[in-house]
Amino acid sequence: MKIHQHPELLERLASSYALGTLRGGARRRFEAMAREQAPVRAAALIWQSRFASINELQPSVQPDSAVWTRIDNLVKADREQAQLYARRTAAATAEANDKPVPFTGWLRSLTVWRGISAASAFATVAAIAVGVNLRQDMGSEIAKLQTQLQATPQIEYVAVLADNQAAASMLVTFDPKSKKLTLQRVGGFQEAGDKSLQLWALPPGSGPKSLGVLGGEKLLRLTAGENDVRDVPTLAISLEPKGGVPGEGGPTGPVLFKGALIQKML
């Protein structure tokens, strides 16, 4: 099945895979398709990056002390209720056997029961107050996340560049709005200190065009216009002398990674 011909289905499967909700046979089938189809690999990597970015935006939160108080009250209430049930069972058994029941035990149980009721009521009020505060805090956090997500790059082009063994080594995305190419290393390749990786567009009917020289960073952004990538079917990365080579002559070193450049259907 050419799943990239069904973009909506691909997006749903890739997001579920990255989130971890795609399981069992469906997950194994998706992984098999990802190994064989570059668009599927690209979609999975993009969604994994999105979820990782959202996690980084979330600040750590220390639970309110009232939350722990409520938990402690509930645990104590369960313990006391079990003890009360045991006393009532013993009393009922004793009454059936015409044995006297100590009055003090029932008084103590009644006091405990009232104490439990008061503690539960207090815990409920505290939980309501905490819930209101959490909703207020969550509202501000949602507004903050919405602002940050609005600034998130709008990816329109994507490519997974792989070696001759079909092992993914570089994820390339392009955001026409910001005119930025983003390259993320996803393999273990690292060039020598006297070498540089250089990104090339391979347009049909003309020679290779350099899109920039890569540094040693795991994540790199290059400036490019949409005209540089529009109608370009393939991207490639070659190994060049330190600092790269002029783009007019094309690659001088071996082409290490290559992959189809796909324009996403928005």
Protein backbone atom coordinates (compact mmCIF):
# COMPACT_ATOMS: atom_id res chain seq x y z
CA MET A 1 0.00 0.00 0.00
CA LYS A 2 1.37 3.41 -1.00
CA ILE A 3 0.30 5.13 2.18
CA HIS A 4 1.84 8.48 1.16
CA GLN A 5 -0.96 8.69 -1.42
CA HIS A 6 -3.36 9.00 1.53
CA PRO A 7 -1.91 11.97 3.47
CA GLU A 8 -4.66 12.17 6.11
CA LEU A 9 -4.28 8.50 7.00
CA LEU A 10 -0.50 8.84 7.07
CA GLU A 11 -0.70 11.81 9.45
CA ARG A 12 -3.03 9.91 11.81
CA LEU A 13 -0.84 6.81 11.84
CA ALA A 14 2.40 8.77 12.23
CA SER A 15 1.03 10.85 15.12
CA SER A 16 -0.32 7.72 16.86
CA TYR A 17 3.02 5.97 16.34
CA ALA A 18 4.98 8.90 17.83
CA LEU A 19 2.54 9.19 20.74
CA GLY A 20 2.73 5.45 21.46
CA THR A 21 -0.96 4.70 20.98
CA LEU A 22 -0.36 2.66 17.81
CA ARG A 23 0.30 -0.83 19.15
CA GLY A 24 0.49 -4.49 18.27
CA GLY A 25 0.24 -5.56 14.67
CA ALA A 26 -0.68 -2.07 13.46
CA ARG A 27 2.55 -0.68 14.91
CA ARG A 28 4.62 -3.45 13.35
CA ARG A 29 3.00 -2.88 9.94
CA PHE A 30 3.67 0.86 10.21
CA GLU A 31 7.32 0.22 11.06
CA ALA A 32 7.61 -2.13 8.08
CA MET A 33 6.20 0.56 5.78
CA ALA A 34 8.57 3.14 7.30
CA ARG A 35 11.54 0.95 6.43
CA GLU A 36 10.41 0.71 2.81
CA GLN A 37 8.87 4.15 2.18
CA ALA A 38 10.77 7.38 2.83
CA PRO A 39 7.57 9.54 3.23
CA VAL A 40 6.41 7.28 6.07
CA ARG A 41 9.77 7.58 7.83
CA ALA A 42 9.66 11.34 7.40
CA ALA A 43 6.14 11.64 8.83
CA ALA A 44 7.08 9.55 11.89
CA LEU A 45 10.22 11.61 12.55
CA ILE A 46 8.31 14.89 12.19
CA TRP A 47 5.66 13.84 14.69
CA GLN A 48 8.30 12.58 17.12
CA SER A 49 10.01 15.98 16.90
CA ARG A 50 6.70 17.76 17.47
CA PHE A 51 5.87 15.80 20.61
CA ALA A 52 9.43 16.25 21.90
CA SER A 53 9.13 20.02 21.40
CA ILE A 54 5.79 20.19 23.23
CA ASN A 55 7.26 18.25 26.17
CA GLU A 56 10.12 20.72 26.39
CA LEU A 57 7.62 23.62 26.55
CA GLN A 58 5.89 22.17 29.59
CA PRO A 59 7.31 23.53 32.87
CA SER A 60 7.65 21.22 35.86
CA VAL A 61 4.87 21.73 38.42
CA GLN A 62 5.03 21.02 42.15
CA PRO A 63 1.67 19.68 43.41
CA ASP A 64 -0.11 21.87 45.94
CA SER A 65 0.17 20.74 49.57
CA ALA A 66 -3.63 20.36 49.70
CA VAL A 67 -3.35 17.54 47.16
CA TRP A 68 -1.11 15.54 49.48
CA THR A 69 -3.39 16.39 52.42
CA ARG A 70 -6.38 15.02 50.54
CA ILE A 71 -4.51 11.84 49.63
CA ASP A 72 -3.45 11.35 53.25
CA ASN A 73 -7.02 11.94 54.46
CA LEU A 74 -8.41 9.43 51.98
CA VAL A 75 -5.88 6.79 53.02
CA LYS A 76 -6.65 7.34 56.70
CA ALA A 77 -10.40 7.31 56.01
CA ASP A 78 -10.13 3.96 54.22
CA ARG A 79 -8.13 2.51 57.11
CA GLU A 80 -10.56 3.79 59.75
CA GLN A 81 -13.56 2.63 57.75
CA ALA A 82 -12.09 -0.86 57.58
CA GLN A 83 -11.57 -0.85 61.35
CA LEU A 84 -15.13 0.40 61.87
CA TYR A 85 -16.50 -2.35 59.65
CA ALA A 86 -14.53 -4.91 61.66
CA ARG A 87 -15.99 -3.56 64.94
CA ARG A 88 -19.51 -3.62 63.58
CA THR A 89 -19.07 -7.17 62.38
CA ALA A 90 -17.75 -8.20 65.77
CA ALA A 91 -20.65 -6.46 67.50
CA ALA A 92 -23.20 -8.14 65.28
CA THR A 93 -21.59 -11.51 65.95
CA ALA A 94 -21.54 -10.88 69.70
CA GLU A 95 -25.19 -9.82 69.71
CA ALA A 96 -26.17 -12.95 67.85
CA ASN A 97 -24.38 -14.99 70.48
CA ASP A 98 -26.04 -12.99 73.34
CA LYS A 99 -22.68 -11.59 74.42
CA PRO A 100 -22.42 -8.06 75.83
CA VAL A 101 -20.68 -5.49 73.66
CA PRO A 102 -18.46 -2.87 75.32
CA PHE A 103 -20.22 0.52 75.01
CA THR A 104 -16.94 2.40 74.86
CA GLY A 105 -16.02 0.67 71.62
CA TRP A 106 -19.15 1.97 69.92
CA LEU A 107 -18.60 5.46 71.26
CA ARG A 108 -15.06 5.35 69.95
CA SER A 109 -16.28 4.08 66.58
CA LEU A 110 -18.91 6.82 66.38
CA THR A 111 -16.28 9.46 67.15
CA VAL A 112 -14.00 8.03 64.50
CA TRP A 113 -16.84 7.97 61.96
CA ARG A 114 -17.68 11.61 62.62
CA GLY A 115 -13.99 12.47 62.36
CA ILE A 116 -13.81 10.69 59.03
CA SER A 117 -16.84 12.59 57.75
CA ALA A 118 -15.33 15.92 58.79
CA ALA A 119 -11.98 15.05 57.25
CA SER A 120 -13.65 13.98 54.01
CA ALA A 121 -15.67 17.18 53.84
CA PHE A 122 -12.54 19.27 54.41
CA ALA A 123 -10.67 17.27 51.78
CA THR A 124 -13.49 17.82 49.29
CA VAL A 125 -13.46 21.59 49.86
CA ALA A 126 -9.67 21.63 49.52
CA ALA A 127 -9.85 19.60 46.31
CA ILE A 128 -12.39 22.04 44.83
CA ALA A 129 -10.12 24.98 45.68
CA VAL A 130 -7.13 23.21 44.18
CA GLY A 131 -9.14 22.36 41.05
CA VAL A 132 -10.07 26.02 40.56
CA ASN A 133 -6.42 27.06 40.92
CA LEU A 134 -5.30 24.32 38.54
CA ARG A 135 -7.85 25.38 35.93
CA GLN A 136 -6.64 28.98 36.19
CA ASP A 137 -3.00 27.89 35.90
CA MET A 138 -3.85 25.56 33.02
CA GLY A 139 -5.62 28.35 31.18
CA SER A 140 -2.54 30.55 31.32
CA GLU A 141 -0.32 27.63 30.27
CA ILE A 142 -2.61 26.84 27.32
CA ALA A 143 -2.50 30.46 26.21
CA LYS A 144 1.29 30.41 26.46
CA LEU A 145 1.51 27.16 24.48
CA GLN A 146 -0.81 28.51 21.80
CA THR A 147 1.45 31.54 21.39
CA GLN A 148 4.52 29.34 21.15
CA LEU A 149 2.87 26.90 18.73
CA GLN A 150 1.87 29.78 16.47
CA ALA A 151 5.58 30.48 16.09
CA THR A 152 6.28 26.84 15.26
CA PRO A 153 7.66 26.36 11.73
CA GLN A 154 5.08 25.46 9.09
CA ILE A 155 6.76 22.52 7.39
CA GLU A 156 5.78 22.22 3.73
CA TYR A 157 8.66 20.19 2.28
CA VAL A 158 10.30 17.14 3.81
CA ALA A 159 12.98 14.64 2.81
CA VAL A 160 14.69 11.70 4.48
CA LEU A 161 18.22 11.30 3.14
CA ALA A 162 19.59 7.77 3.38
CA ASP A 163 22.79 5.95 2.46
CA ASN A 164 23.16 3.11 -0.03
CA GLN A 165 21.88 0.67 2.60
CA ALA A 166 18.62 2.68 2.96
CA ALA A 167 19.60 3.71 6.50
CA ALA A 168 18.17 7.16 7.30
CA SER A 169 20.91 9.65 8.15
CA MET A 170 19.39 13.12 7.74
CA LEU A 171 15.90 14.58 8.09
CA VAL A 172 15.44 17.73 6.01
CA THR A 173 12.43 20.04 6.32
CA PHE A 174 11.70 23.40 4.73
CA ASP A 175 9.50 26.22 6.03
CA PRO A 176 8.68 28.68 3.22
CA LYS A 177 7.36 31.20 5.73
CA SER A 178 10.68 31.61 7.51
CA LYS A 179 12.75 30.59 4.45
CA LYS A 180 14.62 28.05 6.54
CA LEU A 181 15.90 24.60 5.74
CA THR A 182 16.23 22.52 8.90
CA LEU A 183 18.57 19.53 8.86
CA GLN A 184 18.54 17.03 11.71
CA ARG A 185 21.06 14.20 11.90
CA VAL A 186 19.25 10.96 12.68
CA GLY A 187 22.12 8.56 12.00
CA GLY A 188 25.51 8.05 13.57
CA PHE A 189 27.66 9.42 10.74
CA GLN A 190 30.21 12.08 11.69
CA GLU A 191 32.60 13.54 9.16
CA ALA A 192 36.31 13.96 9.88
CA GLY A 193 37.64 17.30 11.08
CA ASP A 194 39.11 18.20 7.69
CA LYS A 195 35.87 17.43 5.82
CA SER A 196 32.44 19.07 5.47
CA LEU A 197 29.04 17.83 4.37
CA GLN A 198 27.36 19.86 1.63
CA LEU A 199 23.66 19.84 0.73
CA TRP A 200 22.66 19.82 -2.93
CA ALA A 201 19.41 20.24 -4.82
CA LEU A 202 19.18 18.03 -7.91
CA PRO A 203 16.68 19.78 -10.19
CA PRO A 204 15.58 18.06 -13.40
CA GLY A 205 17.25 19.26 -16.58
CA SER A 206 20.07 21.16 -14.88
CA GLY A 207 23.15 20.60 -12.77
CA PRO A 208 23.28 20.24 -8.97
CA LYS A 209 22.79 23.42 -6.96
CA SER A 210 24.40 23.92 -3.57
CA LEU A 211 21.99 24.75 -0.73
CA GLY A 212 24.70 25.17 1.89
CA VAL A 213 27.51 23.62 3.86
CA LEU A 214 26.72 21.75 7.07
CA GLY A 215 28.49 22.19 10.35
CA GLY A 216 29.04 19.47 12.90
CA GLU A 217 25.85 20.26 14.84
CA LYS A 218 23.12 17.66 15.21
CA LEU A 219 20.53 20.29 14.27
CA LEU A 220 21.30 22.95 11.66
CA ARG A 221 19.31 25.62 9.84
CA LEU A 222 20.16 27.04 6.41
CA THR A 223 18.54 29.98 4.66
CA ALA A 224 16.85 29.16 1.34
CA GLY A 225 14.02 30.42 -0.80
CA GLU A 226 11.10 28.36 -2.02
CA ASN A 227 12.42 28.72 -5.56
CA ASP A 228 15.47 26.75 -4.45
CA VAL A 229 13.39 23.68 -3.61
CA ARG A 230 10.20 23.97 -5.66
CA ASP A 231 9.96 21.21 -8.29
CA VAL A 232 13.22 19.68 -7.01
CA PRO A 233 12.63 15.92 -6.83
CA THR A 234 15.81 14.94 -4.98
CA LEU A 235 18.24 16.26 -2.38
CA ALA A 236 21.73 14.88 -1.82
CA ILE A 237 24.64 15.35 0.58
CA SER A 238 28.24 14.97 -0.50
CA LEU A 239 31.48 14.77 1.46
CA GLU A 240 33.70 17.72 0.53
CA PRO A 241 36.90 19.43 1.73
CA LYS A 242 36.53 21.61 4.82
CA GLY A 243 34.25 24.56 4.06
CA GLY A 244 32.64 22.95 1.00
CA VAL A 245 33.07 23.67 -2.71
CA PRO A 246 31.55 26.30 -5.04
CA GLY A 247 28.04 25.34 -6.07
CA GLU A 248 28.48 25.93 -9.78
CA GLY A 249 30.58 22.84 -10.39
CA GLY A 250 28.54 20.36 -8.39
CA PRO A 251 29.88 17.84 -5.86
CA THR A 252 33.56 16.95 -6.01
CA GLY A 253 33.43 14.25 -3.36
CA PRO A 254 31.31 11.13 -2.92
CA VAL A 255 27.55 11.49 -2.49
CA LEU A 256 26.84 9.89 0.88
CA PHE A 257 23.11 10.45 1.33
CA LYS A 258 20.23 10.99 -1.06
CA GLY A 259 16.45 11.12 -0.85
CA ALA A 260 13.25 12.36 -2.47
CA LEU A 261 12.02 15.84 -1.55
CA ILE A 262 8.26 15.68 -0.94
CA GLN A 263 5.90 18.61 -0.79
CA LYS A 264 3.32 17.97 1.91
CA MET A 265 -0.35 18.42 1.09
CA LEU A 266 -1.58 21.06 3.52
